[in-house]
Amino acid sequence: MTTKKQAKAQAQRRAAQYERRAAEREEHRRHIMRIVSILVIAGLLLGGGLAVLLVALHQNGQDSAASTDASSQVDGDVTDQLVPDPALAEGRTWTAVVATSEGDITLELDGAAAPQAVASFVNLARQSYFDQTDCHRLTTDGIFVIQCGDPTGTGAGGPGYSFGPIENAPEDDVYPAGTLAMARRGGDAQSMGSQFFLVYEDSTIPSDAAGGYTVFGRVVDGMDIVDRVARAGTITGGPDGQPALSLILNEVSVS
């Protein structure tokens, strides 16, 4: 039987593998662009003699990018199998107790309205995926949220899988204080993973091309902790950044 500690280590390895693949793809793209730029300059200096070579190299770069994308898609098909079955949410209300560095925050998870998001959260919590992670982002200008759930603390980390579509998004784009919702990439309804946000003040968050944001629960106790972190602002004093008052998720338990 896999222990809680082993499950957390496995989840962290998957996240690290995902980040490594993304970094490798980006480095390859930059390498190709550097070579193309050098040859463009050389072609301008030496005349049209390098035109054929430049076109060939550009085509090779496109083929390599296509191969990388194809490889990524294969990886995605594999990791999609790791997405927890929505049935795990059991169509019921769950309670999640988040023991933080500032005190306990109790969340109510709506497994009926957002079964995929709740299933993922419950599964990750059971693996201790969120334990000892920082809430890495605070926004204070019109959209009032604290974002958590990234073990890398960078805003780019995830569990090694992504899921969609969007569930239970408000039709009026209004997210009341206490809302618990999934973070995702702009315009991509299939990009949800482990990152979530807590709304500390009523916020209107406009829908984009993909829609709104999955609401999968609410804070039922501990809003004073959320408010305290929000009042401290960001470490830079800007409207979007790392919270000045660190909020560490020591342990997340679900029942």
Protein backbone atom coordinates (compact mmCIF):
# COMPACT_ATOMS: atom_id res chain seq x y z
CA MET A 1 0.00 0.00 0.00
CA THR A 2 1.27 3.44 -0.94
CA THR A 3 1.82 5.61 2.12
CA LYS A 4 0.80 9.25 2.32
CA LYS A 5 4.45 10.30 2.15
CA GLN A 6 5.12 8.12 -0.91
CA ALA A 7 2.01 9.46 -2.67
CA LYS A 8 3.15 13.04 -2.08
CA ALA A 9 6.61 12.23 -3.45
CA GLN A 10 5.04 10.69 -6.56
CA ALA A 11 2.87 13.76 -7.13
CA GLN A 12 5.88 16.04 -6.75
CA ARG A 13 7.87 13.94 -9.24
CA ARG A 14 5.05 14.22 -11.78
CA ALA A 15 4.99 17.99 -11.32
CA ALA A 16 8.77 18.19 -11.74
CA GLN A 17 8.62 16.08 -14.91
CA TYR A 18 5.93 18.33 -16.34
CA GLU A 19 7.97 21.45 -15.63
CA ARG A 20 11.13 19.87 -17.07
CA ARG A 21 9.39 18.98 -20.34
CA ALA A 22 8.00 22.50 -20.64
CA ALA A 23 11.44 24.02 -20.04
CA GLU A 24 13.04 21.70 -22.61
CA ARG A 25 10.46 22.68 -25.24
CA GLU A 26 11.00 26.38 -24.57
CA GLU A 27 14.80 26.05 -24.75
CA HIS A 28 14.54 24.17 -28.05
CA ARG A 29 12.32 26.91 -29.50
CA ARG A 30 14.74 29.63 -28.39
CA HIS A 31 17.71 27.70 -29.82
CA ILE A 32 16.07 27.47 -33.25
CA MET A 33 15.15 31.16 -33.20
CA ARG A 34 18.73 32.14 -32.31
CA ILE A 35 20.12 30.17 -35.26
CA VAL A 36 17.52 31.58 -37.65
CA SER A 37 18.31 35.13 -36.49
CA ILE A 38 22.06 34.60 -37.06
CA LEU A 39 21.47 33.27 -40.57
CA VAL A 40 19.12 36.12 -41.44
CA ILE A 41 21.84 38.60 -40.50
CA ALA A 42 24.44 36.60 -42.43
CA GLY A 43 22.16 36.50 -45.46
CA LEU A 44 21.74 40.26 -45.41
CA LEU A 45 25.50 40.72 -45.23
CA LEU A 46 26.49 38.13 -47.81
CA GLY A 47 23.61 38.44 -50.24
CA GLY A 48 21.10 35.85 -51.33
CA GLY A 49 23.47 32.88 -51.36
CA LEU A 50 22.20 31.63 -48.01
CA ALA A 51 18.53 31.88 -48.89
CA VAL A 52 18.11 28.19 -49.65
CA LEU A 53 19.93 27.18 -46.46
CA LEU A 54 17.84 29.61 -44.41
CA VAL A 55 14.57 28.26 -45.80
CA ALA A 56 15.72 24.70 -45.13
CA LEU A 57 16.71 25.49 -41.55
CA HIS A 58 13.43 27.32 -40.95
CA GLN A 59 11.52 24.31 -42.24
CA ASN A 60 13.57 22.04 -39.99
CA GLY A 61 12.70 24.23 -37.03
CA GLN A 62 9.01 23.97 -37.86
CA ASP A 63 9.26 20.18 -38.15
CA SER A 64 11.07 19.99 -34.81
CA ALA A 65 8.45 22.15 -33.15
CA ALA A 66 5.72 19.97 -34.63
CA SER A 67 7.46 16.86 -33.33
CA THR A 68 7.78 18.44 -29.89
CA ASP A 69 4.10 19.35 -29.91
CA ALA A 70 3.22 15.83 -30.98
CA SER A 71 5.36 14.39 -28.19
CA SER A 72 3.68 16.72 -25.75
CA GLN A 73 0.28 15.57 -26.93
CA VAL A 74 1.27 11.95 -26.41
CA ASP A 75 2.47 12.84 -22.91
CA GLY A 76 -0.83 14.64 -22.36
CA ASP A 77 -2.77 11.54 -23.37
CA VAL A 78 -0.80 9.54 -20.82
CA THR A 79 -1.18 12.04 -18.00
CA ASP A 80 -4.89 12.45 -18.78
CA GLN A 81 -5.24 8.94 -17.42
CA LEU A 82 -4.12 10.33 -14.05
CA VAL A 83 -7.03 12.76 -13.85
CA PRO A 84 -9.22 11.48 -11.01
CA ASP A 85 -12.62 10.11 -11.95
CA PRO A 86 -15.34 12.72 -11.20
CA ALA A 87 -17.22 9.91 -9.46
CA LEU A 88 -14.72 10.30 -6.63
CA ALA A 89 -16.61 13.46 -5.63
CA GLU A 90 -19.58 11.20 -4.85
CA GLY A 91 -22.01 14.00 -5.69
CA ARG A 92 -21.90 15.18 -2.10
CA THR A 93 -20.62 17.98 0.08
CA TRP A 94 -17.11 17.54 1.46
CA THR A 95 -15.30 19.31 4.27
CA ALA A 96 -11.65 20.25 3.86
CA VAL A 97 -9.68 21.52 6.84
CA VAL A 98 -6.62 23.48 5.76
CA ALA A 99 -4.12 23.80 8.59
CA THR A 100 -2.08 26.89 7.71
CA SER A 101 0.74 28.85 9.29
CA GLU A 102 -1.89 31.41 10.37
CA GLY A 103 -4.52 28.98 11.67
CA ASP A 104 -7.14 26.61 10.29
CA ILE A 105 -9.32 27.44 7.29
CA THR A 106 -12.34 25.21 6.74
CA LEU A 107 -13.67 24.76 3.22
CA GLU A 108 -16.94 23.26 2.00
CA LEU A 109 -16.52 21.44 -1.34
CA ASP A 110 -19.52 21.04 -3.64
CA GLY A 111 -19.12 17.61 -5.23
CA ALA A 112 -22.49 17.86 -6.98
CA ALA A 113 -21.92 21.20 -8.74
CA ALA A 114 -18.25 20.67 -9.62
CA PRO A 115 -17.50 16.92 -9.49
CA GLN A 116 -14.28 16.99 -11.53
CA ALA A 117 -12.70 19.83 -9.56
CA VAL A 118 -13.72 18.33 -6.23
CA ALA A 119 -12.50 14.87 -7.23
CA SER A 120 -9.12 16.32 -8.16
CA PHE A 121 -8.83 18.37 -4.97
CA VAL A 122 -9.84 15.45 -2.75
CA ASN A 123 -7.43 13.10 -4.50
CA LEU A 124 -4.51 15.54 -4.22
CA ALA A 125 -5.28 16.27 -0.57
CA ARG A 126 -5.27 12.56 0.20
CA GLN A 127 -1.82 12.36 -1.38
CA SER A 128 -0.58 15.24 0.83
CA TYR A 129 0.09 17.14 -2.39
CA PHE A 130 -0.76 20.51 -0.86
CA ASP A 131 1.15 19.98 2.39
CA GLN A 132 3.95 22.47 3.06
CA THR A 133 3.12 24.65 0.05
CA ASP A 134 2.85 28.45 -0.02
CA CYS A 135 0.00 30.53 -1.35
CA HIS A 136 2.04 32.28 -4.01
CA ARG A 137 -0.18 35.08 -5.34
CA LEU A 138 -2.31 37.95 -4.05
CA THR A 139 -4.25 40.37 -6.23
CA THR A 140 -5.63 43.63 -4.85
CA ASP A 141 -6.86 45.77 -7.76
CA GLY A 142 -10.50 45.03 -8.65
CA ILE A 143 -9.99 41.25 -8.43
CA PHE A 144 -9.43 40.24 -4.82
CA VAL A 145 -8.04 36.73 -4.57
CA ILE A 146 -5.32 34.67 -2.90
CA GLN A 147 -4.00 31.88 -5.12
CA CYS A 148 -2.58 28.62 -3.76
CA GLY A 149 -1.96 25.01 -4.75
CA ASP A 150 1.35 25.23 -6.62
CA PRO A 151 4.10 23.12 -5.00
CA THR A 152 6.75 25.07 -6.94
CA GLY A 153 5.52 28.42 -5.63
CA THR A 154 5.99 29.97 -9.07
CA GLY A 155 2.47 29.93 -10.46
CA ALA A 156 3.55 27.49 -13.18
CA GLY A 157 3.42 24.22 -11.25
CA GLY A 158 0.82 21.50 -11.44
CA PRO A 159 0.07 17.86 -10.64
CA GLY A 160 1.24 16.46 -13.99
CA TYR A 161 -2.25 16.50 -15.48
CA SER A 162 -4.83 19.06 -16.48
CA PHE A 163 -8.58 18.87 -16.82
CA GLY A 164 -11.73 20.61 -18.02
CA PRO A 165 -14.30 21.74 -18.92
CA ILE A 166 -15.27 24.60 -16.65
CA GLU A 167 -17.89 23.72 -14.04
CA ASN A 168 -20.34 25.86 -12.07
CA ALA A 169 -19.07 29.27 -13.21
CA PRO A 170 -21.32 32.22 -12.24
CA GLU A 171 -23.35 33.59 -15.15
CA ASP A 172 -22.89 37.17 -13.95
CA ASP A 173 -19.09 36.83 -13.47
CA VAL A 174 -19.46 37.81 -9.80
CA TYR A 175 -17.47 35.77 -7.26
CA PRO A 176 -18.59 36.62 -3.69
CA ALA A 177 -16.16 36.78 -0.79
CA GLY A 178 -15.43 33.29 0.47
CA THR A 179 -15.65 31.67 -2.97
CA LEU A 180 -13.27 28.78 -3.68
CA ALA A 181 -12.50 28.43 -7.39
CA MET A 182 -10.04 26.81 -9.78
CA ALA A 183 -7.28 28.82 -11.43
CA ARG A 184 -6.52 28.20 -15.11
CA ARG A 185 -4.72 29.70 -18.10
CA GLY A 186 -6.53 32.47 -19.96
CA GLY A 187 -8.66 31.18 -22.81
CA ASP A 188 -8.03 27.53 -21.97
CA ALA A 189 -10.90 25.63 -20.34
CA GLN A 190 -8.84 22.43 -20.19
CA SER A 191 -5.92 23.87 -18.20
CA MET A 192 -7.07 23.36 -14.61
CA GLY A 193 -4.79 21.35 -12.35
CA SER A 194 -3.99 21.90 -8.68
CA GLN A 195 -4.04 25.69 -8.36
CA PHE A 196 -7.06 27.32 -6.76
CA PHE A 197 -7.98 30.72 -5.41
CA LEU A 198 -9.85 32.10 -2.41
CA VAL A 199 -11.88 35.27 -2.95
CA TYR A 200 -11.52 37.63 0.02
CA GLU A 201 -13.74 40.44 -1.28
CA ASP A 202 -16.60 40.35 -3.78
CA SER A 203 -14.96 40.35 -7.22
CA THR A 204 -16.19 40.64 -10.79
CA ILE A 205 -13.88 38.46 -12.87
CA PRO A 206 -14.77 38.79 -16.55
CA SER A 207 -15.21 35.61 -18.54
CA ASP A 208 -12.81 35.11 -21.43
CA ALA A 209 -13.04 33.06 -24.62
CA ALA A 210 -13.14 29.86 -22.54
CA GLY A 211 -15.79 31.10 -20.11
CA GLY A 212 -15.63 31.76 -16.37
CA TYR A 213 -13.90 29.96 -13.53
CA THR A 214 -14.94 26.73 -11.85
CA VAL A 215 -16.47 27.39 -8.44
CA PHE A 216 -16.13 24.22 -6.40
CA GLY A 217 -16.66 25.38 -2.84
CA ARG A 218 -16.55 28.13 -0.25
CA VAL A 219 -14.84 29.15 2.98
CA VAL A 220 -17.06 28.32 5.95
CA ASP A 221 -14.57 29.17 8.70
CA GLY A 222 -11.28 31.06 8.81
CA MET A 223 -12.12 34.06 6.60
CA ASP A 224 -10.39 36.20 9.23
CA ILE A 225 -7.15 34.46 8.27
CA VAL A 226 -7.74 35.08 4.56
CA ASP A 227 -8.56 38.73 5.29
CA ARG A 228 -5.42 39.16 7.42
CA VAL A 229 -3.19 37.93 4.61
CA ALA A 230 -5.00 40.16 2.13
CA ARG A 231 -4.63 43.27 4.31
CA ALA A 232 -0.87 42.76 4.51
CA GLY A 233 -0.66 43.23 0.74
CA THR A 234 2.09 41.98 -1.55
CA ILE A 235 5.81 41.92 -0.80
CA THR A 236 6.38 44.65 -3.39
CA GLY A 237 3.36 46.75 -2.48
CA GLY A 238 2.05 46.22 -5.99
CA PRO A 239 -1.44 45.04 -6.98
CA ASP A 240 -0.38 41.53 -7.99
CA GLY A 241 2.38 39.51 -6.39
CA GLN A 242 3.53 37.27 -3.58
CA PRO A 243 1.74 37.89 -0.27
CA ALA A 244 3.78 39.88 2.25
CA LEU A 245 2.31 37.71 5.01
CA SER A 246 3.25 34.17 4.08
CA LEU A 247 0.39 31.68 4.12
CA ILE A 248 1.76 28.13 4.24
CA LEU A 249 -0.59 25.17 3.86
CA ASN A 250 0.83 22.80 6.46
CA GLU A 251 -1.73 20.06 5.89
CA VAL A 252 -5.04 19.58 4.07
CA SER A 253 -7.45 16.91 5.27
CA VAL A 254 -10.78 16.00 3.63
CA SER A 255 -13.84 14.17 4.88
